[in-house]
Each structure stands twice: as C-alpha cells, then as structure tokens.
Amino acid sequence: MTLIKTALLGAAGYAAYKYYLANKQHAKPAGATVRDAGPEAMTNPPQQGWSKVDQRIDESFPASDPPSTY
C-alpha cells in the first residue's frame, strides 16, 4: 500500500514539473541585448577589415575559452 502511495505521489510530482516547464516563460534579463556574430551584425562595423581571428573571437564571446585555432 505504501509503495502505491509513493508511486502516485511521484507521478503527481512529475506531472506538476512537466506542467511547470510547459508554462514557464523565458524572460531575458533587463538590458540584455544579443546580436549575431560577425561585422554585418554590428551597429558600428570596423573600418579596417575583419580577419578570421576576429571572427572566431567574436563567435566565442562571452565564453571564457579562446578559439581553438589561435
């Protein structure tokens, strides 16, 4: 009898968790703006050109690891 109650409680908890995930709204932090990588997505693109290293650094931001092709 205790096993059945435990199973029902677990099922109810799982259903409640799935309901929570389905109805959770994904909000951005206040003031956070995200842009695509590359000079074409910049507000003020660089005037002197864009190297492969520049591209890889821009794609890796905000990751803490540098590009592997350095």
C-alpha atoms as a PDB file:
ATOM      1  CA  MET A   1       0.000   0.000   0.000  1.00  0.00           C
ATOM      2  CA  THR A   2       2.851   2.400   0.849  1.00  0.00           C
ATOM      3  CA  LEU A   3       4.540   1.601  -2.453  1.00  0.00           C
ATOM      4  CA  ILE A   4       1.401   2.549  -4.389  1.00  0.00           C
ATOM      5  CA  LYS A   5       1.083   5.841  -2.489  1.00  0.00           C
ATOM      6  CA  THR A   6       4.742   6.634  -3.157  1.00  0.00           C
ATOM      7  CA  ALA A   7       4.319   5.859  -6.855  1.00  0.00           C
ATOM      8  CA  LEU A   8       1.218   8.074  -7.087  1.00  0.00           C
ATOM      9  CA  LEU A   9       2.998  10.909  -5.285  1.00  0.00           C
ATOM     10  CA  GLY A  10       5.963  10.580  -7.645  1.00  0.00           C
ATOM     11  CA  ALA A  11       3.671  10.590 -10.697  1.00  0.00           C
ATOM     12  CA  ALA A  12       1.861  13.687  -9.404  1.00  0.00           C
ATOM     13  CA  GLY A  13       5.187  15.439  -8.810  1.00  0.00           C
ATOM     14  CA  TYR A  14       6.388  14.542 -12.302  1.00  0.00           C
ATOM     15  CA  ALA A  15       3.151  15.828 -13.850  1.00  0.00           C
ATOM     16  CA  ALA A  16       3.424  19.078 -11.873  1.00  0.00           C
ATOM     17  CA  TYR A  17       7.045  19.515 -13.000  1.00  0.00           C
ATOM     18  CA  LYS A  18       6.137  18.944 -16.670  1.00  0.00           C
ATOM     19  CA  TYR A  19       3.278  21.448 -16.329  1.00  0.00           C
ATOM     20  CA  TYR A  20       5.702  23.969 -14.824  1.00  0.00           C
ATOM     21  CA  LEU A  21       8.184  23.510 -17.682  1.00  0.00           C
ATOM     22  CA  ALA A  22       5.466  23.839 -20.318  1.00  0.00           C
ATOM     23  CA  ASN A  23       4.179  27.117 -18.850  1.00  0.00           C
ATOM     24  CA  LYS A  24       7.471  28.714 -17.850  1.00  0.00           C
ATOM     25  CA  GLN A  25       8.128  31.949 -19.694  1.00  0.00           C
ATOM     26  CA  HIS A  26      11.661  32.559 -20.876  1.00  0.00           C
ATOM     27  CA  ALA A  27      12.463  36.137 -19.940  1.00  0.00           C
ATOM     28  CA  LYS A  28      15.635  37.965 -20.874  1.00  0.00           C
ATOM     29  CA  PRO A  29      17.472  39.847 -18.148  1.00  0.00           C
ATOM     30  CA  ALA A  30      16.747  43.557 -18.148  1.00  0.00           C
ATOM     31  CA  GLY A  31      19.003  45.430 -20.547  1.00  0.00           C
ATOM     32  CA  ALA A  32      20.391  42.299 -22.210  1.00  0.00           C
ATOM     33  CA  THR A  33      20.745  42.508 -25.968  1.00  0.00           C
ATOM     34  CA  VAL A  34      22.237  39.721 -28.033  1.00  0.00           C
ATOM     35  CA  ARG A  35      23.495  40.042 -31.583  1.00  0.00           C
ATOM     36  CA  ASP A  36      24.726  37.556 -34.144  1.00  0.00           C
ATOM     37  CA  ALA A  37      28.474  37.165 -34.618  1.00  0.00           C
ATOM     38  CA  GLY A  38      30.229  38.972 -37.411  1.00  0.00           C
ATOM     39  CA  PRO A  39      30.763  42.515 -38.614  1.00  0.00           C
ATOM     40  CA  GLU A  40      27.495  42.608 -40.579  1.00  0.00           C
ATOM     41  CA  ALA A  41      25.524  42.343 -37.316  1.00  0.00           C
ATOM     42  CA  MET A  42      27.439  45.175 -35.611  1.00  0.00           C
ATOM     43  CA  THR A  43      25.995  48.634 -35.125  1.00  0.00           C
ATOM     44  CA  ASN A  44      29.384  50.183 -35.928  1.00  0.00           C
ATOM     45  CA  PRO A  45      31.408  47.676 -38.003  1.00  0.00           C
ATOM     46  CA  PRO A  46      35.208  48.026 -38.046  1.00  0.00           C
ATOM     47  CA  GLN A  47      36.656  50.205 -40.802  1.00  0.00           C
ATOM     48  CA  GLN A  48      39.899  48.231 -41.305  1.00  0.00           C
ATOM     49  CA  GLY A  49      38.587  44.794 -42.217  1.00  0.00           C
ATOM     50  CA  TRP A  50      37.792  41.626 -40.371  1.00  0.00           C
ATOM     51  CA  SER A  51      40.249  38.713 -40.036  1.00  0.00           C
ATOM     52  CA  LYS A  52      39.496  35.055 -39.327  1.00  0.00           C
ATOM     53  CA  VAL A  53      40.842  35.537 -35.790  1.00  0.00           C
ATOM     54  CA  ASP A  54      38.477  38.471 -35.259  1.00  0.00           C
ATOM     55  CA  GLN A  55      35.575  36.319 -36.466  1.00  0.00           C
ATOM     56  CA  ARG A  56      36.420  33.412 -34.151  1.00  0.00           C
ATOM     57  CA  ILE A  57      36.882  35.695 -31.150  1.00  0.00           C
ATOM     58  CA  ASP A  58      33.538  37.328 -31.851  1.00  0.00           C
ATOM     59  CA  GLU A  59      31.823  33.928 -32.191  1.00  0.00           C
ATOM     60  CA  SER A  60      33.252  32.696 -28.888  1.00  0.00           C
ATOM     61  CA  PHE A  61      32.134  35.702 -26.821  1.00  0.00           C
ATOM     62  CA  PRO A  62      31.105  35.576 -23.920  1.00  0.00           C
ATOM     63  CA  ALA A  63      32.743  32.174 -23.444  1.00  0.00           C
ATOM     64  CA  SER A  64      35.816  32.189 -21.262  1.00  0.00           C
ATOM     65  CA  ASP A  65      37.857  29.942 -23.563  1.00  0.00           C
ATOM     66  CA  PRO A  66      39.766  31.420 -26.517  1.00  0.00           C
ATOM     67  CA  PRO A  67      39.202  29.992 -30.012  1.00  0.00           C
ATOM     68  CA  SER A  68      40.991  26.690 -30.613  1.00  0.00           C
ATOM     69  CA  THR A  69      42.554  27.899 -33.860  1.00  0.00           C
ATOM     70  CA  TYR A  70      44.730  30.567 -32.303  1.00  0.00           C
END
